[in-house]
Amino acid sequence: GWLNLLNRERAVWIGSSAGLLSALLTGLFD
C-alpha cells in the first residue's frame, strides 16, 4: 500500500529495505 505514514518500526523497515534494494540494483553494474 501507499506508505504515507511512518513510525519508528516502519522507518527501520523501509530504511533497511531501501538500502538492500539499492545494493541489488548496484549489482547490475558490479
Full PDB file with SEQRES, HELIX, SHEET, SSBOND, CRYST1, ORIGX, SCALE, CONECT and MASTER records, all heavy atoms in Angstrom:
SEQRES   1 A   30  GLY TRP LEU ASN LEU LEU ASN ARG GLU ARG ALA VAL TRP          
SEQRES   2 A   30  ILE GLY SER SER ALA GLY LEU LEU SER ALA LEU LEU THR          
SEQRES   3 A   30  GLY LEU PHE ASP                                              
HELIX    1 AA1 ARG A    8  THR A   26  1                                  19    
CRYST1    1.000    1.000    1.000  90.00  90.00  90.00 P 1           1          
ORIGX1      1.000000  0.000000  0.000000        0.00000                         
ORIGX2      0.000000  1.000000  0.000000        0.00000                         
ORIGX3      0.000000  0.000000  1.000000        0.00000                         
SCALE1      1.000000  0.000000  0.000000        0.00000                         
SCALE2      0.000000  1.000000  0.000000        0.00000                         
SCALE3      0.000000  0.000000  1.000000        0.00000                         
ATOM      1  N   GLY A   1       0.839  -1.196   0.000  1.00  0.00           N  
ATOM      2  CA  GLY A   1       0.000   0.000   0.000  1.00  0.00           C  
ATOM      3  C   GLY A   1       0.869   1.239   0.000  1.00  0.00           C  
ATOM      4  O   GLY A   1       2.098   1.165   0.047  1.00  0.00           O  
ATOM      5  N   TRP A   2       0.229   2.407  -0.082  1.00  0.00           N  
ATOM      6  CA  TRP A   2       0.969   3.662  -0.046  1.00  0.00           C  
ATOM      7  C   TRP A   2       1.503   3.908   1.354  1.00  0.00           C  
ATOM      8  O   TRP A   2       0.756   3.912   2.325  1.00  0.00           O  
ATOM      9  CB  TRP A   2       0.076   4.833  -0.461  1.00  0.00           C  
ATOM     10  CG  TRP A   2      -0.503   4.726  -1.833  1.00  0.00           C  
ATOM     11  CD1 TRP A   2      -1.819   4.650  -2.158  1.00  0.00           C  
ATOM     12  CD2 TRP A   2       0.211   4.679  -3.069  1.00  0.00           C  
ATOM     13  NE1 TRP A   2      -1.978   4.559  -3.509  1.00  0.00           N  
ATOM     14  CE2 TRP A   2      -0.750   4.578  -4.100  1.00  0.00           C  
ATOM     15  CE3 TRP A   2       1.564   4.714  -3.401  1.00  0.00           C  
ATOM     16  CZ2 TRP A   2      -0.391   4.508  -5.443  1.00  0.00           C  
ATOM     17  CZ3 TRP A   2       1.911   4.650  -4.736  1.00  0.00           C  
ATOM     18  CH2 TRP A   2       0.957   4.552  -5.735  1.00  0.00           C  
ATOM     19  N   LEU A   3       2.791   4.135   1.448  1.00  0.00           N  
ATOM     20  CA  LEU A   3       3.416   4.312   2.764  1.00  0.00           C  
ATOM     21  C   LEU A   3       3.449   5.795   3.135  1.00  0.00           C  
ATOM     22  O   LEU A   3       4.512   6.404   3.272  1.00  0.00           O  
ATOM     23  CB  LEU A   3       4.831   3.735   2.758  1.00  0.00           C  
ATOM     24  CG  LEU A   3       4.902   2.223   2.557  1.00  0.00           C  
ATOM     25  CD1 LEU A   3       6.333   1.763   2.451  1.00  0.00           C  
ATOM     26  CD2 LEU A   3       4.213   1.503   3.702  1.00  0.00           C  
ATOM     27  N   ASN A   4       2.252   6.383   3.275  1.00  0.00           N  
ATOM     28  CA  ASN A   4       2.195   7.815   3.586  1.00  0.00           C  
ATOM     29  C   ASN A   4       2.235   8.086   5.086  1.00  0.00           C  
ATOM     30  O   ASN A   4       2.047   9.211   5.522  1.00  0.00           O  
ATOM     31  CB  ASN A   4       0.937   8.436   2.978  1.00  0.00           C  
ATOM     32  CG  ASN A   4      -0.316   7.646   3.345  1.00  0.00           C  
ATOM     33  OD1 ASN A   4      -0.244   6.714   4.147  1.00  0.00           O  
ATOM     34  ND2 ASN A   4      -1.437   8.003   2.762  1.00  0.00           N  
ATOM     35  N   LEU A   5       2.470   7.058   5.866  1.00  0.00           N  
ATOM     36  CA  LEU A   5       2.591   7.222   7.315  1.00  0.00           C  
ATOM     37  C   LEU A   5       3.734   6.341   7.810  1.00  0.00           C  
ATOM     38  O   LEU A   5       3.764   5.139   7.534  1.00  0.00           O  
ATOM     39  CB  LEU A   5       1.287   6.837   8.015  1.00  0.00           C  
ATOM     40  CG  LEU A   5       1.299   6.893   9.549  1.00  0.00           C  
ATOM     41  CD1 LEU A   5       1.489   8.337  10.013  1.00  0.00           C  
ATOM     42  CD2 LEU A   5       0.013   6.315  10.127  1.00  0.00           C  
ATOM     43  N   LEU A   6       4.660   6.943   8.537  1.00  0.00           N  
ATOM     44  CA  LEU A   6       5.774   6.184   9.095  1.00  0.00           C  
ATOM     45  C   LEU A   6       5.779   6.296  10.604  1.00  0.00           C  
ATOM     46  O   LEU A   6       5.341   7.284  11.176  1.00  0.00           O  
ATOM     47  CB  LEU A   6       7.119   6.705   8.561  1.00  0.00           C  
ATOM     48  CG  LEU A   6       7.474   6.413   7.098  1.00  0.00           C  
ATOM     49  CD1 LEU A   6       8.863   6.951   6.785  1.00  0.00           C  
ATOM     50  CD2 LEU A   6       7.416   4.930   6.795  1.00  0.00           C  
ATOM     51  N   ASN A   7       6.269   5.245  11.253  1.00  0.00           N  
ATOM     52  CA  ASN A   7       6.575   5.295  12.683  1.00  0.00           C  
ATOM     53  C   ASN A   7       7.970   4.699  12.856  1.00  0.00           C  
ATOM     54  O   ASN A   7       8.661   4.410  11.879  1.00  0.00           O  
ATOM     55  CB  ASN A   7       5.525   4.536  13.497  1.00  0.00           C  
ATOM     56  CG  ASN A   7       5.337   3.106  12.999  1.00  0.00           C  
ATOM     57  OD1 ASN A   7       6.271   2.473  12.493  1.00  0.00           O  
ATOM     58  ND2 ASN A   7       4.119   2.591  13.127  1.00  0.00           N  
ATOM     59  N   ARG A   8       8.411   4.509  14.068  1.00  0.00           N  
ATOM     60  CA  ARG A   8       9.777   4.054  14.293  1.00  0.00           C  
ATOM     61  C   ARG A   8      10.030   2.682  13.686  1.00  0.00           C  
ATOM     62  O   ARG A   8      11.082   2.452  13.086  1.00  0.00           O  
ATOM     63  CB  ARG A   8      10.071   4.037  15.796  1.00  0.00           C  
ATOM     64  CG  ARG A   8      11.488   3.634  16.145  1.00  0.00           C  
ATOM     65  CD  ARG A   8      11.803   3.848  17.611  1.00  0.00           C  
ATOM     66  NE  ARG A   8      11.781   5.255  17.959  1.00  0.00           N  
ATOM     67  CZ  ARG A   8      12.122   5.738  19.153  1.00  0.00           C  
ATOM     68  NH1 ARG A   8      12.499   4.902  20.112  1.00  0.00           N  
ATOM     69  NH2 ARG A   8      12.086   7.019  19.390  1.00  0.00           N  
ATOM     70  N   GLU A   9       9.077   1.756  13.822  1.00  0.00           N  
ATOM     71  CA  GLU A   9       9.266   0.405  13.287  1.00  0.00           C  
ATOM     72  C   GLU A   9       9.268   0.420  11.764  1.00  0.00           C  
ATOM     73  O   GLU A   9      10.108  -0.207  11.110  1.00  0.00           O  
ATOM     74  CB  GLU A   9       8.169  -0.521  13.798  1.00  0.00           C  
ATOM     75  CG  GLU A   9       8.450  -1.998  13.563  1.00  0.00           C  
ATOM     76  CD  GLU A   9       9.663  -2.485  14.351  1.00  0.00           C  
ATOM     77  OE1 GLU A   9       9.652  -2.412  15.591  1.00  0.00           O  
ATOM     78  OE2 GLU A   9      10.632  -2.926  13.704  1.00  0.00           O  
ATOM     79  N   ARG A  10       8.326   1.146  11.190  1.00  0.00           N  
ATOM     80  CA  ARG A  10       8.290   1.222   9.733  1.00  0.00           C  
ATOM     81  C   ARG A  10       9.525   1.921   9.180  1.00  0.00           C  
ATOM     82  O   ARG A  10       9.972   1.621   8.071  1.00  0.00           O  
ATOM     83  CB  ARG A  10       7.037   1.974   9.278  1.00  0.00           C  
ATOM     84  CG  ARG A  10       5.753   1.188   9.384  1.00  0.00           C  
ATOM     85  CD  ARG A  10       4.634   1.970   8.750  1.00  0.00           C  
ATOM     86  NE  ARG A  10       3.346   1.316   8.912  1.00  0.00           N  
ATOM     87  CZ  ARG A  10       2.202   1.844   8.483  1.00  0.00           C  
ATOM     88  NH1 ARG A  10       2.203   3.028   7.915  1.00  0.00           N  
ATOM     89  NH2 ARG A  10       1.062   1.201   8.651  1.00  0.00           N  
ATOM     90  N   ALA A  11      10.071   2.875   9.927  1.00  0.00           N  
ATOM     91  CA  ALA A  11      11.258   3.594   9.456  1.00  0.00           C  
ATOM     92  C   ALA A  11      12.450   2.654   9.323  1.00  0.00           C  
ATOM     93  O   ALA A  11      13.196   2.721   8.337  1.00  0.00           O  
ATOM     94  CB  ALA A  11      11.579   4.742  10.411  1.00  0.00           C  
ATOM     95  N   VAL A  12      12.646   1.776  10.313  1.00  0.00           N  
ATOM     96  CA  VAL A  12      13.743   0.801  10.207  1.00  0.00           C  
ATOM     97  C   VAL A  12      13.481  -0.152   9.056  1.00  0.00           C  
ATOM     98  O   VAL A  12      14.390  -0.502   8.293  1.00  0.00           O  
ATOM     99  CB  VAL A  12      13.896   0.029  11.537  1.00  0.00           C  
ATOM    100  CG1 VAL A  12      14.944  -1.075  11.402  1.00  0.00           C  
ATOM    101  CG2 VAL A  12      14.275   0.985  12.669  1.00  0.00           C  
ATOM    102  N   TRP A  13      12.223  -0.561   8.900  1.00  0.00           N  
ATOM    103  CA  TRP A  13      11.857  -1.475   7.810  1.00  0.00           C  
ATOM    104  C   TRP A  13      12.144  -0.852   6.450  1.00  0.00           C  
ATOM    105  O   TRP A  13      12.803  -1.460   5.604  1.00  0.00           O  
ATOM    106  CB  TRP A  13      10.380  -1.845   7.933  1.00  0.00           C  
ATOM    107  CG  TRP A  13       9.831  -2.493   6.705  1.00  0.00           C  
ATOM    108  CD1 TRP A  13       9.977  -3.790   6.318  1.00  0.00           C  
ATOM    109  CD2 TRP A  13       9.074  -1.853   5.680  1.00  0.00           C  
ATOM    110  NE1 TRP A  13       9.349  -4.001   5.119  1.00  0.00           N  
ATOM    111  CE2 TRP A  13       8.780  -2.829   4.710  1.00  0.00           C  
ATOM    112  CE3 TRP A  13       8.602  -0.549   5.505  1.00  0.00           C  
ATOM    113  CZ2 TRP A  13       8.047  -2.529   3.565  1.00  0.00           C  
ATOM    114  CZ3 TRP A  13       7.866  -0.254   4.364  1.00  0.00           C  
ATOM    115  CH2 TRP A  13       7.601  -1.238   3.413  1.00  0.00           C  
ATOM    116  N   ILE A  14      11.663   0.371   6.224  1.00  0.00           N  
ATOM    117  CA  ILE A  14      11.825   0.977   4.902  1.00  0.00           C  
ATOM    118  C   ILE A  14      13.279   1.370   4.667  1.00  0.00           C  
ATOM    119  O   ILE A  14      13.789   1.268   3.550  1.00  0.00           O  
ATOM    120  CB  ILE A  14      10.882   2.186   4.730  1.00  0.00           C  
ATOM    121  CG1 ILE A  14      10.770   2.562   3.245  1.00  0.00           C  
ATOM    122  CG2 ILE A  14      11.330   3.382   5.538  1.00  0.00           C  
ATOM    123  CD1 ILE A  14      10.090   1.544   2.394  1.00  0.00           C  
ATOM    124  N   GLY A  15      13.990   1.812   5.716  1.00  0.00           N  
ATOM    125  CA  GLY A  15      15.391   2.196   5.546  1.00  0.00           C  
ATOM    126  C   GLY A  15      16.273   1.024   5.167  1.00  0.00           C  
ATOM    127  O   GLY A  15      17.084   1.113   4.239  1.00  0.00           O  
ATOM    128  N   SER A  16      16.120  -0.092   5.864  1.00  0.00           N  
ATOM    129  CA  SER A  16      16.937  -1.274   5.554  1.00  0.00           C  
ATOM    130  C   SER A  16      16.536  -1.885   4.216  1.00  0.00           C  
ATOM    131  O   SER A  16      17.395  -2.322   3.442  1.00  0.00           O  
ATOM    132  CB  SER A  16      16.820  -2.310   6.680  1.00  0.00           C  
ATOM    133  OG  SER A  16      15.460  -2.623   6.925  1.00  0.00           O  
ATOM    134  N   SER A  17      15.241  -1.896   3.907  1.00  0.00           N  
ATOM    135  CA  SER A  17      14.783  -2.449   2.634  1.00  0.00           C  
ATOM    136  C   SER A  17      15.269  -1.612   1.460  1.00  0.00           C  
ATOM    137  O   SER A  17      15.696  -2.150   0.432  1.00  0.00           O  
ATOM    138  CB  SER A  17      13.251  -2.533   2.613  1.00  0.00           C  
ATOM    139  OG  SER A  17      12.775  -3.347   3.666  1.00  0.00           O  
ATOM    140  N   ALA A  18      15.217  -0.280   1.607  1.00  0.00           N  
ATOM    141  CA  ALA A  18      15.694   0.603   0.539  1.00  0.00           C  
ATOM    142  C   ALA A  18      17.191   0.434   0.335  1.00  0.00           C  
ATOM    143  O   ALA A  18      17.681   0.445  -0.808  1.00  0.00           O  
ATOM    144  CB  ALA A  18      15.359   2.054   0.874  1.00  0.00           C  
ATOM    145  N   GLY A  19      17.943   0.269   1.422  1.00  0.00           N  
ATOM    146  CA  GLY A  19      19.379   0.055   1.293  1.00  0.00           C  
ATOM    147  C   GLY A  19      19.688  -1.228   0.544  1.00  0.00           C  
ATOM    148  O   GLY A  19      20.575  -1.265  -0.323  1.00  0.00           O  
ATOM    149  N   LEU A  20      18.951  -2.292   0.852  1.00  0.00           N  
ATOM    150  CA  LEU A  20      19.222  -3.566   0.183  1.00  0.00           C  
ATOM    151  C   LEU A  20      18.796  -3.516  -1.285  1.00  0.00           C  
ATOM    152  O   LEU A  20      19.472  -4.071  -2.155  1.00  0.00           O  
ATOM    153  CB  LEU A  20      18.515  -4.708   0.900  1.00  0.00           C  
ATOM    154  CG  LEU A  20      19.154  -6.061   0.592  1.00  0.00           C  
ATOM    155  CD1 LEU A  20      20.436  -6.240   1.401  1.00  0.00           C  
ATOM    156  CD2 LEU A  20      18.216  -7.202   0.879  1.00  0.00           C  
ATOM    157  N   LEU A  21      17.673  -2.859  -1.578  1.00  0.00           N  
ATOM    158  CA  LEU A  21      17.262  -2.715  -2.975  1.00  0.00           C  
ATOM    159  C   LEU A  21      18.294  -1.919  -3.763  1.00  0.00           C  
ATOM    160  O   LEU A  21      18.586  -2.229  -4.921  1.00  0.00           O  
ATOM    161  CB  LEU A  21      15.895  -2.043  -3.049  1.00  0.00           C  
ATOM    162  CG  LEU A  21      14.686  -2.916  -2.729  1.00  0.00           C  
ATOM    163  CD1 LEU A  21      13.422  -2.072  -2.661  1.00  0.00           C  
ATOM    164  CD2 LEU A  21      14.524  -4.023  -3.771  1.00  0.00           C  
ATOM    165  N   SER A  22      18.859  -0.878  -3.133  1.00  0.00           N  
ATOM    166  CA  SER A  22      19.920  -0.107  -3.791  1.00  0.00           C  
ATOM    167  C   SER A  22      21.118  -1.000  -4.087  1.00  0.00           C  
ATOM    168  O   SER A  22      21.732  -0.914  -5.167  1.00  0.00           O  
ATOM    169  CB  SER A  22      20.351   1.060  -2.904  1.00  0.00           C  
ATOM    170  OG  SER A  22      19.281   1.946  -2.652  1.00  0.00           O  
ATOM    171  N   ALA A  23      21.451  -1.872  -3.141  1.00  0.00           N  
ATOM    172  CA  ALA A  23      22.571  -2.786  -3.341  1.00  0.00           C  
ATOM    173  C   ALA A  23      22.297  -3.743  -4.497  1.00  0.00           C  
ATOM    174  O   ALA A  23      23.177  -4.017  -5.321  1.00  0.00           O  
ATOM    175  CB  ALA A  23      22.850  -3.560  -2.055  1.00  0.00           C  
ATOM    176  N   LEU A  24      21.078  -4.265  -4.560  1.00  0.00           N  
ATOM    177  CA  LEU A  24      20.737  -5.199  -5.633  1.00  0.00           C  
ATOM    178  C   LEU A  24      20.772  -4.509  -6.994  1.00  0.00           C  
ATOM    179  O   LEU A  24      21.224  -5.099  -7.988  1.00  0.00           O  
ATOM    180  CB  LEU A  24      19.362  -5.810  -5.374  1.00  0.00           C  
ATOM    181  CG  LEU A  24      19.286  -6.797  -4.206  1.00  0.00           C  
ATOM    182  CD1 LEU A  24      17.843  -7.176  -3.907  1.00  0.00           C  
ATOM    183  CD2 LEU A  24      20.114  -8.044  -4.487  1.00  0.00           C  
ATOM    184  N   LEU A  25      20.312  -3.264  -7.057  1.00  0.00           N  
ATOM    185  CA  LEU A  25      20.394  -2.526  -8.313  1.00  0.00           C  
ATOM    186  C   LEU A  25      21.845  -2.257  -8.694  1.00  0.00           C  
ATOM    187  O   LEU A  25      22.215  -2.313  -9.869  1.00  0.00           O  
ATOM    188  CB  LEU A  25      19.623  -1.210  -8.195  1.00  0.00           C  
ATOM    189  CG  LEU A  25      18.110  -1.302  -8.328  1.00  0.00           C  
ATOM    190  CD1 LEU A  25      17.458   0.049  -8.057  1.00  0.00           C  
ATOM    191  CD2 LEU A  25      17.705  -1.806  -9.716  1.00  0.00           C  
ATOM    192  N   THR A  26      22.670  -1.964  -7.685  1.00  0.00           N  
ATOM    193  CA  THR A  26      24.097  -1.768  -7.948  1.00  0.00           C  
ATOM    194  C   THR A  26      24.712  -3.032  -8.535  1.00  0.00           C  
ATOM    195  O   THR A  26      25.684  -2.968  -9.295  1.00  0.00           O  
ATOM    196  CB  THR A  26      24.825  -1.379  -6.648  1.00  0.00           C  
ATOM    197  OG1 THR A  26      24.191  -0.246  -6.069  1.00  0.00           O  
ATOM    198  CG2 THR A  26      26.281  -1.036  -6.904  1.00  0.00           C  
ATOM    199  N   GLY A  27      24.134  -4.177  -8.198  1.00  0.00           N  
ATOM    200  CA  GLY A  27      24.617  -5.437  -8.739  1.00  0.00           C  
ATOM    201  C   GLY A  27      24.531  -5.536 -10.249  1.00  0.00           C  
ATOM    202  O   GLY A  27      25.196  -6.379 -10.860  1.00  0.00           O  
ATOM    203  N   LEU A  28      23.715  -4.677 -10.886  1.00  0.00           N  
ATOM    204  CA  LEU A  28      23.673  -4.645 -12.347  1.00  0.00           C  
ATOM    205  C   LEU A  28      24.959  -4.077 -12.924  1.00  0.00           C  
ATOM    206  O   LEU A  28      25.290  -4.325 -14.091  1.00  0.00           O  
ATOM    207  CB  LEU A  28      22.482  -3.803 -12.825  1.00  0.00           C  
ATOM    208  CG  LEU A  28      21.089  -4.341 -12.463  1.00  0.00           C  
ATOM    209  CD1 LEU A  28      20.023  -3.313 -12.813  1.00  0.00           C  
ATOM    210  CD2 LEU A  28      20.813  -5.664 -13.175  1.00  0.00           C  
ATOM    211  N   PHE A  29      25.682  -3.294 -12.119  1.00  0.00           N  
ATOM    212  CA  PHE A  29      26.887  -2.621 -12.594  1.00  0.00           C  
ATOM    213  C   PHE A  29      28.172  -3.221 -12.028  1.00  0.00           C  
ATOM    214  O   PHE A  29      29.248  -2.975 -12.554  1.00  0.00           O  
ATOM    215  CB  PHE A  29      26.840  -1.132 -12.219  1.00  0.00           C  
ATOM    216  CG  PHE A  29      25.567  -0.444 -12.634  1.00  0.00           C  
ATOM    217  CD1 PHE A  29      24.539  -0.245 -11.726  1.00  0.00           C  
ATOM    218  CD2 PHE A  29      25.405  -0.008 -13.933  1.00  0.00           C  
ATOM    219  CE1 PHE A  29      23.372   0.392 -12.108  1.00  0.00           C  
ATOM    220  CE2 PHE A  29      24.237   0.628 -14.330  1.00  0.00           C  
ATOM    221  CZ  PHE A  29      23.213   0.822 -13.411  1.00  0.00           C  
ATOM    222  N   ASP A  30      28.062  -3.957 -10.926  1.00  0.00           N  
ATOM    223  CA  ASP A  30      29.258  -4.532 -10.315  1.00  0.00           C  
ATOM    224  C   ASP A  30      28.890  -5.793  -9.554  1.00  0.00           C  
ATOM    225  O   ASP A  30      27.708  -6.107  -9.385  1.00  0.00           O  
ATOM    226  CB  ASP A  30      29.945  -3.522  -9.398  1.00  0.00           C  
ATOM    227  CG  ASP A  30      31.457  -3.523  -9.602  1.00  0.00           C  
ATOM    228  OD1 ASP A  30      32.020  -4.628  -9.746  1.00  0.00           O  
ATOM    229  OD2 ASP A  30      32.067  -2.443  -9.614  1.00  0.00           O  
TER     230      ASP A  30                                                      
MASTER        0    0    0    1    0    0    0    6  229    1    0    3          
END                                                                             
